[in-house]
Amino acid sequence: MFQYNVSFLKNDQDILMVNRETKPMPGLWNGIINKLEQKDHPDESVKRKIFEETNYSVEQFYSKGTFTWKNEQGESKGINVYLFTLDQTLMKNKIAKSRDGILQWKSIDWILDEENHGVHPILKQGIPKLLEKKGILTFEYIDGNVVQIPQTSHR
């Protein structure tokens, strides 16, 4: 089980981002991050955190995945990633403060802009992959690149 979830809320061509004031990754724009407790199921934990931070109630994810990588010591690490789509935006074009930082809707083009150094490179590669395919996905971060791992079907 991974230690963290990160979730993204999408509306039209915008994604709700957090300019983090707390660890992990303070100062960078990211999704809504929550630390998992041993008793938590990742899907329920992420829904609870989204509601706590945004007052949005979400049910079914559009896509969900795991991102794994090896740290400098060669240990495997990972995070659960969720993308939810919203039909309404109660705080569109507004800036709000949360416990973790500043919440603001950002255009997908802004997030992916190669000159934007305020968004981690993993997100710039991972968000398009979450957007392009609905369902449960698996990714690995290898040598600076996000690689989608093909799903195997069991018969």
C-alpha atoms as a PDB file:
ATOM      1  CA  MET A   1       0.000   0.000   0.000  1.00  0.00           C
ATOM      2  CA  PHE A   2       1.282   3.451  -0.875  1.00  0.00           C
ATOM      3  CA  GLN A   3       1.584   6.267   1.629  1.00  0.00           C
ATOM      4  CA  TYR A   4      -0.132   9.016  -0.404  1.00  0.00           C
ATOM      5  CA  ASN A   5      -3.004   9.704  -2.803  1.00  0.00           C
ATOM      6  CA  VAL A   6      -3.062  12.645  -5.183  1.00  0.00           C
ATOM      7  CA  SER A   7      -6.284  13.654  -6.896  1.00  0.00           C
ATOM      8  CA  PHE A   8      -7.190  16.024  -9.705  1.00  0.00           C
ATOM      9  CA  LEU A   9     -10.601  17.525 -10.437  1.00  0.00           C
ATOM     10  CA  LYS A  10     -11.248  18.402 -14.085  1.00  0.00           C
ATOM     11  CA  ASN A  11     -13.903  20.733 -15.471  1.00  0.00           C
ATOM     12  CA  ASP A  12     -13.899  21.554 -19.187  1.00  0.00           C
ATOM     13  CA  GLN A  13     -10.241  22.376 -19.961  1.00  0.00           C
ATOM     14  CA  ASP A  14      -9.267  23.255 -16.389  1.00  0.00           C
ATOM     15  CA  ILE A  15      -7.911  21.249 -13.474  1.00  0.00           C
ATOM     16  CA  LEU A  16      -8.112  22.291  -9.835  1.00  0.00           C
ATOM     17  CA  MET A  17      -4.552  22.637  -8.566  1.00  0.00           C
ATOM     18  CA  VAL A  18      -3.009  23.390  -5.178  1.00  0.00           C
ATOM     19  CA  ASN A  19       0.022  25.626  -4.763  1.00  0.00           C
ATOM     20  CA  ARG A  20       1.344  23.661  -1.826  1.00  0.00           C
ATOM     21  CA  GLU A  21       2.506  25.325   1.363  1.00  0.00           C
ATOM     22  CA  THR A  22       3.111  21.981   3.082  1.00  0.00           C
ATOM     23  CA  LYS A  23       5.154  18.851   2.395  1.00  0.00           C
ATOM     24  CA  PRO A  24       5.411  17.010   0.113  1.00  0.00           C
ATOM     25  CA  MET A  25       6.578  19.419  -2.615  1.00  0.00           C
ATOM     26  CA  PRO A  26       5.943  22.830  -1.012  1.00  0.00           C
ATOM     27  CA  GLY A  27       5.873  25.693  -3.522  1.00  0.00           C
ATOM     28  CA  LEU A  28       4.836  23.542  -6.488  1.00  0.00           C
ATOM     29  CA  TRP A  29       1.410  23.286  -8.083  1.00  0.00           C
ATOM     30  CA  ASN A  30       0.018  19.819  -7.541  1.00  0.00           C
ATOM     31  CA  GLY A  31      -3.217  17.945  -7.026  1.00  0.00           C
ATOM     32  CA  ILE A  32      -4.954  17.445  -3.709  1.00  0.00           C
ATOM     33  CA  ILE A  33      -2.662  15.215  -1.666  1.00  0.00           C
ATOM     34  CA  ASN A  34      -3.649  13.124   1.292  1.00  0.00           C
ATOM     35  CA  LYS A  35      -1.640  10.788   3.437  1.00  0.00           C
ATOM     36  CA  LEU A  36      -3.141   7.351   3.876  1.00  0.00           C
ATOM     37  CA  GLU A  37      -3.614   5.861   7.307  1.00  0.00           C
ATOM     38  CA  GLN A  38      -3.317   2.083   7.752  1.00  0.00           C
ATOM     39  CA  LYS A  39      -7.081   1.651   8.152  1.00  0.00           C
ATOM     40  CA  ASP A  40      -7.966   3.773   5.093  1.00  0.00           C
ATOM     41  CA  HIS A  41      -9.023   2.420   1.730  1.00  0.00           C
ATOM     42  CA  PRO A  42      -7.438   4.699  -0.917  1.00  0.00           C
ATOM     43  CA  ASP A  43     -10.699   5.294  -2.835  1.00  0.00           C
ATOM     44  CA  GLU A  44     -12.650   6.370   0.259  1.00  0.00           C
ATOM     45  CA  SER A  45      -9.753   8.374   1.679  1.00  0.00           C
ATOM     46  CA  VAL A  46      -9.377  10.446  -1.511  1.00  0.00           C
ATOM     47  CA  LYS A  47     -13.112  11.234  -1.660  1.00  0.00           C
ATOM     48  CA  ARG A  48     -13.065  12.390   1.980  1.00  0.00           C
ATOM     49  CA  LYS A  49      -9.994  14.602   1.410  1.00  0.00           C
ATOM     50  CA  ILE A  50     -11.500  16.203  -1.710  1.00  0.00           C
ATOM     51  CA  PHE A  51     -14.641  17.104   0.219  1.00  0.00           C
ATOM     52  CA  GLU A  52     -12.636  18.472   3.178  1.00  0.00           C
ATOM     53  CA  GLU A  53     -10.510  20.697   0.925  1.00  0.00           C
ATOM     54  CA  THR A  54     -13.050  21.787  -1.710  1.00  0.00           C
ATOM     55  CA  ASN A  55     -16.602  21.003  -0.524  1.00  0.00           C
ATOM     56  CA  TYR A  56     -17.030  19.001  -3.766  1.00  0.00           C
ATOM     57  CA  SER A  57     -18.544  15.568  -3.405  1.00  0.00           C
ATOM     58  CA  VAL A  58     -17.136  13.090  -5.923  1.00  0.00           C
ATOM     59  CA  GLU A  59     -18.194   9.518  -6.550  1.00  0.00           C
ATOM     60  CA  GLN A  60     -16.736   7.646  -9.512  1.00  0.00           C
ATOM     61  CA  PHE A  61     -13.258   8.425 -10.836  1.00  0.00           C
ATOM     62  CA  TYR A  62     -12.684   8.929 -14.561  1.00  0.00           C
ATOM     63  CA  SER A  63      -9.264   7.367 -14.342  1.00  0.00           C
ATOM     64  CA  LYS A  64      -7.116   6.122 -11.530  1.00  0.00           C
ATOM     65  CA  GLY A  65      -3.616   4.853 -11.490  1.00  0.00           C
ATOM     66  CA  THR A  66      -0.495   4.089  -9.618  1.00  0.00           C
ATOM     67  CA  PHE A  67       2.789   5.827 -10.268  1.00  0.00           C
ATOM     68  CA  THR A  68       5.890   3.989  -9.077  1.00  0.00           C
ATOM     69  CA  TRP A  69       9.574   4.885  -9.094  1.00  0.00           C
ATOM     70  CA  LYS A  70      12.821   3.941  -7.396  1.00  0.00           C
ATOM     71  CA  ASN A  71      14.439   6.359  -4.947  1.00  0.00           C
ATOM     72  CA  GLU A  72      18.175   7.025  -4.739  1.00  0.00           C
ATOM     73  CA  GLN A  73      18.606   3.940  -2.534  1.00  0.00           C
ATOM     74  CA  GLY A  74      16.894   1.756  -5.160  1.00  0.00           C
ATOM     75  CA  GLU A  75      13.759   1.259  -3.038  1.00  0.00           C
ATOM     76  CA  SER A  76      10.399   1.143  -4.810  1.00  0.00           C
ATOM     77  CA  LYS A  77       8.072   4.028  -3.965  1.00  0.00           C
ATOM     78  CA  GLY A  78       4.661   4.949  -5.316  1.00  0.00           C
ATOM     79  CA  ILE A  79       1.507   7.000  -5.119  1.00  0.00           C
ATOM     80  CA  ASN A  80      -2.147   6.475  -6.022  1.00  0.00           C
ATOM     81  CA  VAL A  81      -3.412   9.034  -8.564  1.00  0.00           C
ATOM     82  CA  TYR A  82      -7.058   9.891  -9.300  1.00  0.00           C
ATOM     83  CA  LEU A  83      -8.800  12.041 -11.900  1.00  0.00           C
ATOM     84  CA  PHE A  84     -12.430  13.036 -11.332  1.00  0.00           C
ATOM     85  CA  THR A  85     -14.521  15.058 -13.764  1.00  0.00           C
ATOM     86  CA  LEU A  86     -17.012  17.656 -12.544  1.00  0.00           C
ATOM     87  CA  ASP A  87     -20.061  19.026 -14.286  1.00  0.00           C
ATOM     88  CA  GLN A  88     -20.255  22.124 -12.134  1.00  0.00           C
ATOM     89  CA  THR A  89     -17.637  24.413 -10.713  1.00  0.00           C
ATOM     90  CA  LEU A  90     -18.734  26.310  -7.660  1.00  0.00           C
ATOM     91  CA  MET A  91     -15.484  28.212  -7.325  1.00  0.00           C
ATOM     92  CA  LYS A  92     -14.489  28.610 -10.969  1.00  0.00           C
ATOM     93  CA  ASN A  93     -12.222  31.659 -11.482  1.00  0.00           C
ATOM     94  CA  LYS A  94     -11.828  32.075  -7.735  1.00  0.00           C
ATOM     95  CA  ILE A  95      -8.814  31.512  -5.572  1.00  0.00           C
ATOM     96  CA  ALA A  96      -9.424  29.724  -2.271  1.00  0.00           C
ATOM     97  CA  LYS A  97      -7.234  28.852   0.676  1.00  0.00           C
ATOM     98  CA  SER A  98      -7.074  25.303   1.992  1.00  0.00           C
ATOM     99  CA  ARG A  99      -5.076  23.673   4.777  1.00  0.00           C
ATOM    100  CA  ASP A 100      -2.429  22.611   2.245  1.00  0.00           C
ATOM    101  CA  GLY A 101      -2.151  25.807   0.203  1.00  0.00           C
ATOM    102  CA  ILE A 102      -3.921  27.864  -2.438  1.00  0.00           C
ATOM    103  CA  LEU A 103      -6.584  26.190  -4.601  1.00  0.00           C
ATOM    104  CA  GLN A 104      -7.024  27.554  -8.110  1.00  0.00           C
ATOM    105  CA  TRP A 105      -8.384  26.269 -11.431  1.00  0.00           C
ATOM    106  CA  LYS A 106      -5.580  26.132 -14.003  1.00  0.00           C
ATOM    107  CA  SER A 107      -5.929  25.454 -17.708  1.00  0.00           C
ATOM    108  CA  ILE A 108      -4.493  22.180 -18.949  1.00  0.00           C
ATOM    109  CA  ASP A 109      -2.378  24.186 -21.422  1.00  0.00           C
ATOM    110  CA  TRP A 110      -0.895  26.204 -18.521  1.00  0.00           C
ATOM    111  CA  ILE A 111      -0.116  23.041 -16.543  1.00  0.00           C
ATOM    112  CA  LEU A 112       1.608  21.370 -19.497  1.00  0.00           C
ATOM    113  CA  ASP A 113       3.527  24.433 -20.756  1.00  0.00           C
ATOM    114  CA  GLU A 114       7.210  23.436 -21.036  1.00  0.00           C
ATOM    115  CA  GLU A 115       8.294  26.798 -19.604  1.00  0.00           C
ATOM    116  CA  ASN A 116       6.149  26.352 -16.496  1.00  0.00           C
ATOM    117  CA  HIS A 117       8.602  25.278 -13.783  1.00  0.00           C
ATOM    118  CA  GLY A 118       5.979  25.448 -11.025  1.00  0.00           C
ATOM    119  CA  VAL A 119       4.575  22.019 -11.929  1.00  0.00           C
ATOM    120  CA  HIS A 120       6.590  18.843 -11.332  1.00  0.00           C
ATOM    121  CA  PRO A 121       7.715  17.085 -14.558  1.00  0.00           C
ATOM    122  CA  ILE A 122       5.961  13.858 -13.493  1.00  0.00           C
ATOM    123  CA  LEU A 123       2.642  15.740 -13.548  1.00  0.00           C
ATOM    124  CA  LYS A 124       3.325  17.233 -16.962  1.00  0.00           C
ATOM    125  CA  GLN A 125       3.788  13.719 -18.330  1.00  0.00           C
ATOM    126  CA  GLY A 126       1.213  11.937 -16.178  1.00  0.00           C
ATOM    127  CA  ILE A 127      -1.824  14.223 -16.487  1.00  0.00           C
ATOM    128  CA  PRO A 128      -2.179  13.725 -20.271  1.00  0.00           C
ATOM    129  CA  LYS A 129      -2.046   9.958 -19.750  1.00  0.00           C
ATOM    130  CA  LEU A 130      -4.804  10.147 -17.114  1.00  0.00           C
ATOM    131  CA  LEU A 131      -6.900  12.317 -19.445  1.00  0.00           C
ATOM    132  CA  GLU A 132      -6.555  10.111 -22.520  1.00  0.00           C
ATOM    133  CA  LYS A 133      -7.713   6.796 -21.117  1.00  0.00           C
ATOM    134  CA  LYS A 134     -10.594   6.038 -18.793  1.00  0.00           C
ATOM    135  CA  GLY A 135     -10.154   3.269 -16.245  1.00  0.00           C
ATOM    136  CA  ILE A 136      -7.425   1.898 -14.021  1.00  0.00           C
ATOM    137  CA  LEU A 137      -3.885   2.555 -15.205  1.00  0.00           C
ATOM    138  CA  THR A 138      -0.348   1.742 -14.051  1.00  0.00           C
ATOM    139  CA  PHE A 139       2.687   3.967 -14.631  1.00  0.00           C
ATOM    140  CA  GLU A 140       6.354   3.847 -13.813  1.00  0.00           C
ATOM    141  CA  TYR A 141       8.728   6.809 -13.696  1.00  0.00           C
ATOM    142  CA  ILE A 142      11.958   5.609 -15.347  1.00  0.00           C
ATOM    143  CA  ASP A 143      14.935   7.822 -16.217  1.00  0.00           C
ATOM    144  CA  GLY A 144      12.833  11.004 -16.203  1.00  0.00           C
ATOM    145  CA  ASN A 145       9.948   9.565 -18.240  1.00  0.00           C
ATOM    146  CA  VAL A 146       6.474   8.381 -17.298  1.00  0.00           C
ATOM    147  CA  VAL A 147       5.881   5.011 -18.939  1.00  0.00           C
ATOM    148  CA  GLN A 148       2.458   3.374 -19.008  1.00  0.00           C
ATOM    149  CA  ILE A 149       2.592  -0.274 -18.058  1.00  0.00           C
ATOM    150  CA  PRO A 150       0.171  -2.356 -20.165  1.00  0.00           C
ATOM    151  CA  GLN A 151      -2.632  -4.050 -18.250  1.00  0.00           C
ATOM    152  CA  THR A 152      -2.775  -7.808 -18.532  1.00  0.00           C
ATOM    153  CA  SER A 153      -6.126  -9.478 -18.774  1.00  0.00           C
ATOM    154  CA  HIS A 154      -6.890 -12.597 -16.802  1.00  0.00           C
ATOM    155  CA  ARG A 155      -9.171 -15.155 -18.410  1.00  0.00           C
END
